């Protein structure tokens, strides 16, 4: 079972640190991250987020983990399940890395 209280885990830090309840919108929070973080960190984020998606946990567990960590994202408004949303985030990071 995935636990959202593992403060040292990069996936938790990424989701909870970027998409917390105090953000104006998930889109703005992601754009801020893409602008302010180094290319090296973004490349690392692609790796650890992809590893998380490809992990042995069930999609249900991954969806619940993403939703609990990224508590500033209201997933019903996105029209996506948390895992689908995270796929899109990774793609946006990939695009940003190309231009950094």
C-alpha atoms as a PDB file:
ATOM      1  CA  UNK A   1       0.000   0.000   0.000  1.00  0.00           C
ATOM      2  CA  UNK A   2       1.249   3.442  -0.884  1.00  0.00           C
ATOM      3  CA  UNK A   3       1.583   5.859   1.996  1.00  0.00           C
ATOM      4  CA  UNK A   4       1.347   9.612   1.498  1.00  0.00           C
ATOM      5  CA  UNK A   5       3.366  10.383   4.625  1.00  0.00           C
ATOM      6  CA  UNK A   6       6.757   9.481   3.160  1.00  0.00           C
ATOM      7  CA  UNK A   7       8.230  12.968   3.109  1.00  0.00           C
ATOM      8  CA  UNK A   8      11.542  11.828   1.620  1.00  0.00           C
ATOM      9  CA  UNK A   9      10.001  10.285  -1.493  1.00  0.00           C
ATOM     10  CA  UNK A  10      10.478  12.415  -4.609  1.00  0.00           C
ATOM     11  CA  UNK A  11       6.982  11.625  -5.957  1.00  0.00           C
ATOM     12  CA  UNK A  12       5.393  12.813  -2.722  1.00  0.00           C
ATOM     13  CA  UNK A  13       7.583  15.934  -2.615  1.00  0.00           C
ATOM     14  CA  UNK A  14       6.802  16.739  -6.248  1.00  0.00           C
ATOM     15  CA  UNK A  15       3.032  16.311  -5.936  1.00  0.00           C
ATOM     16  CA  UNK A  16       2.550  17.784  -2.461  1.00  0.00           C
ATOM     17  CA  UNK A  17       5.047  20.590  -3.013  1.00  0.00           C
ATOM     18  CA  UNK A  18       3.700  21.673  -6.385  1.00  0.00           C
ATOM     19  CA  UNK A  19      -0.022  20.912  -6.275  1.00  0.00           C
ATOM     20  CA  UNK A  20      -1.000  21.857  -2.705  1.00  0.00           C
ATOM     21  CA  UNK A  21      -4.205  23.549  -1.561  1.00  0.00           C
ATOM     22  CA  UNK A  22      -2.732  27.071  -1.676  1.00  0.00           C
ATOM     23  CA  UNK A  23      -2.217  27.159  -5.451  1.00  0.00           C
ATOM     24  CA  UNK A  24      -4.365  29.313  -7.729  1.00  0.00           C
ATOM     25  CA  UNK A  25      -4.709  26.521 -10.275  1.00  0.00           C
ATOM     26  CA  UNK A  26      -2.890  23.300 -11.163  1.00  0.00           C
ATOM     27  CA  UNK A  27      -2.001  24.756 -14.552  1.00  0.00           C
ATOM     28  CA  UNK A  28      -0.388  27.845 -13.006  1.00  0.00           C
ATOM     29  CA  UNK A  29       1.464  25.718 -10.448  1.00  0.00           C
ATOM     30  CA  UNK A  30       2.869  23.506 -13.195  1.00  0.00           C
ATOM     31  CA  UNK A  31       3.919  26.491 -15.310  1.00  0.00           C
ATOM     32  CA  UNK A  32       5.677  27.997 -12.296  1.00  0.00           C
ATOM     33  CA  UNK A  33       7.507  24.716 -11.691  1.00  0.00           C
ATOM     34  CA  UNK A  34       8.528  24.460 -15.352  1.00  0.00           C
ATOM     35  CA  UNK A  35       9.835  28.025 -15.323  1.00  0.00           C
ATOM     36  CA  UNK A  36      11.652  28.003 -11.992  1.00  0.00           C
ATOM     37  CA  UNK A  37      13.142  24.515 -11.726  1.00  0.00           C
ATOM     38  CA  UNK A  38      16.395  23.511 -13.369  1.00  0.00           C
ATOM     39  CA  UNK A  39      16.521  21.314 -16.435  1.00  0.00           C
ATOM     40  CA  UNK A  40      18.299  18.687 -14.328  1.00  0.00           C
ATOM     41  CA  UNK A  41      15.499  18.544 -11.761  1.00  0.00           C
ATOM     42  CA  UNK A  42      12.853  18.328 -14.475  1.00  0.00           C
ATOM     43  CA  UNK A  43      14.737  15.466 -16.135  1.00  0.00           C
ATOM     44  CA  UNK A  44      14.911  13.733 -12.753  1.00  0.00           C
ATOM     45  CA  UNK A  45      11.171  14.348 -12.250  1.00  0.00           C
ATOM     46  CA  UNK A  46      10.417  12.602 -15.548  1.00  0.00           C
ATOM     47  CA  UNK A  47      12.369   9.580 -14.331  1.00  0.00           C
ATOM     48  CA  UNK A  48      10.856   9.260 -10.855  1.00  0.00           C
ATOM     49  CA  UNK A  49       7.314  10.000 -12.023  1.00  0.00           C
ATOM     50  CA  UNK A  50       7.610   7.449 -14.836  1.00  0.00           C
ATOM     51  CA  UNK A  51       9.033   4.904 -12.396  1.00  0.00           C
ATOM     52  CA  UNK A  52       6.032   5.536 -10.145  1.00  0.00           C
ATOM     53  CA  UNK A  53       3.572   5.034 -13.013  1.00  0.00           C
ATOM     54  CA  UNK A  54       5.317   1.814 -14.028  1.00  0.00           C
ATOM     55  CA  UNK A  55       5.528   0.485 -10.449  1.00  0.00           C
ATOM     56  CA  UNK A  56       3.811  -2.703  -9.315  1.00  0.00           C
ATOM     57  CA  UNK A  57       1.075  -0.878  -7.391  1.00  0.00           C
ATOM     58  CA  UNK A  58      -2.443  -1.142  -8.773  1.00  0.00           C
ATOM     59  CA  UNK A  59      -3.931   1.757 -10.726  1.00  0.00           C
ATOM     60  CA  UNK A  60      -6.413   2.208  -7.875  1.00  0.00           C
ATOM     61  CA  UNK A  61      -3.567   2.604  -5.366  1.00  0.00           C
ATOM     62  CA  UNK A  62      -1.704   5.003  -7.659  1.00  0.00           C
ATOM     63  CA  UNK A  63      -4.840   7.093  -8.249  1.00  0.00           C
ATOM     64  CA  UNK A  64      -5.518   7.320  -4.508  1.00  0.00           C
ATOM     65  CA  UNK A  65      -1.889   8.233  -3.789  1.00  0.00           C
ATOM     66  CA  UNK A  66      -1.814  10.982  -6.428  1.00  0.00           C
ATOM     67  CA  UNK A  67      -5.126  12.367  -5.202  1.00  0.00           C
ATOM     68  CA  UNK A  68      -3.995  12.439  -1.571  1.00  0.00           C
ATOM     69  CA  UNK A  69      -0.633  14.075  -2.355  1.00  0.00           C
ATOM     70  CA  UNK A  70      -1.863  16.589  -4.944  1.00  0.00           C
ATOM     71  CA  UNK A  71      -4.653  17.922  -2.763  1.00  0.00           C
ATOM     72  CA  UNK A  72      -4.781  21.211  -4.667  1.00  0.00           C
ATOM     73  CA  UNK A  73      -6.079  19.447  -7.778  1.00  0.00           C
ATOM     74  CA  UNK A  74      -9.802  18.840  -8.047  1.00  0.00           C
ATOM     75  CA  UNK A  75      -9.705  15.851 -10.369  1.00  0.00           C
ATOM     76  CA  UNK A  76     -13.407  15.808 -11.318  1.00  0.00           C
ATOM     77  CA  UNK A  77     -12.883  19.278 -12.819  1.00  0.00           C
ATOM     78  CA  UNK A  78     -10.015  17.995 -14.971  1.00  0.00           C
ATOM     79  CA  UNK A  79     -12.166  15.241 -16.442  1.00  0.00           C
ATOM     80  CA  UNK A  80      -9.254  12.864 -15.843  1.00  0.00           C
ATOM     81  CA  UNK A  81      -8.370  10.184 -13.351  1.00  0.00           C
ATOM     82  CA  UNK A  82      -5.304  11.162 -11.296  1.00  0.00           C
ATOM     83  CA  UNK A  83      -3.074   8.716 -13.189  1.00  0.00           C
ATOM     84  CA  UNK A  84      -4.185  10.109 -16.567  1.00  0.00           C
ATOM     85  CA  UNK A  85      -3.538  13.612 -15.263  1.00  0.00           C
ATOM     86  CA  UNK A  86      -0.033  12.620 -14.138  1.00  0.00           C
ATOM     87  CA  UNK A  87       0.711  11.225 -17.612  1.00  0.00           C
ATOM     88  CA  UNK A  88      -0.173  14.658 -19.012  1.00  0.00           C
ATOM     89  CA  UNK A  89       2.024  16.406 -16.439  1.00  0.00           C
ATOM     90  CA  UNK A  90       4.974  14.221 -17.458  1.00  0.00           C
ATOM     91  CA  UNK A  91       4.395  15.050 -21.130  1.00  0.00           C
ATOM     92  CA  UNK A  92       4.349  18.772 -20.321  1.00  0.00           C
ATOM     93  CA  UNK A  93       7.607  18.411 -18.392  1.00  0.00           C
ATOM     94  CA  UNK A  94       9.146  16.566 -21.372  1.00  0.00           C
ATOM     95  CA  UNK A  95       8.157  19.422 -23.680  1.00  0.00           C
ATOM     96  CA  UNK A  96       9.575  22.014 -21.274  1.00  0.00           C
ATOM     97  CA  UNK A  97      12.902  20.157 -20.993  1.00  0.00           C
ATOM     98  CA  UNK A  98      13.325  20.352 -24.775  1.00  0.00           C
ATOM     99  CA  UNK A  99      13.377  24.166 -24.631  1.00  0.00           C
ATOM    100  CA  UNK A 100      15.453  24.680 -21.453  1.00  0.00           C
END
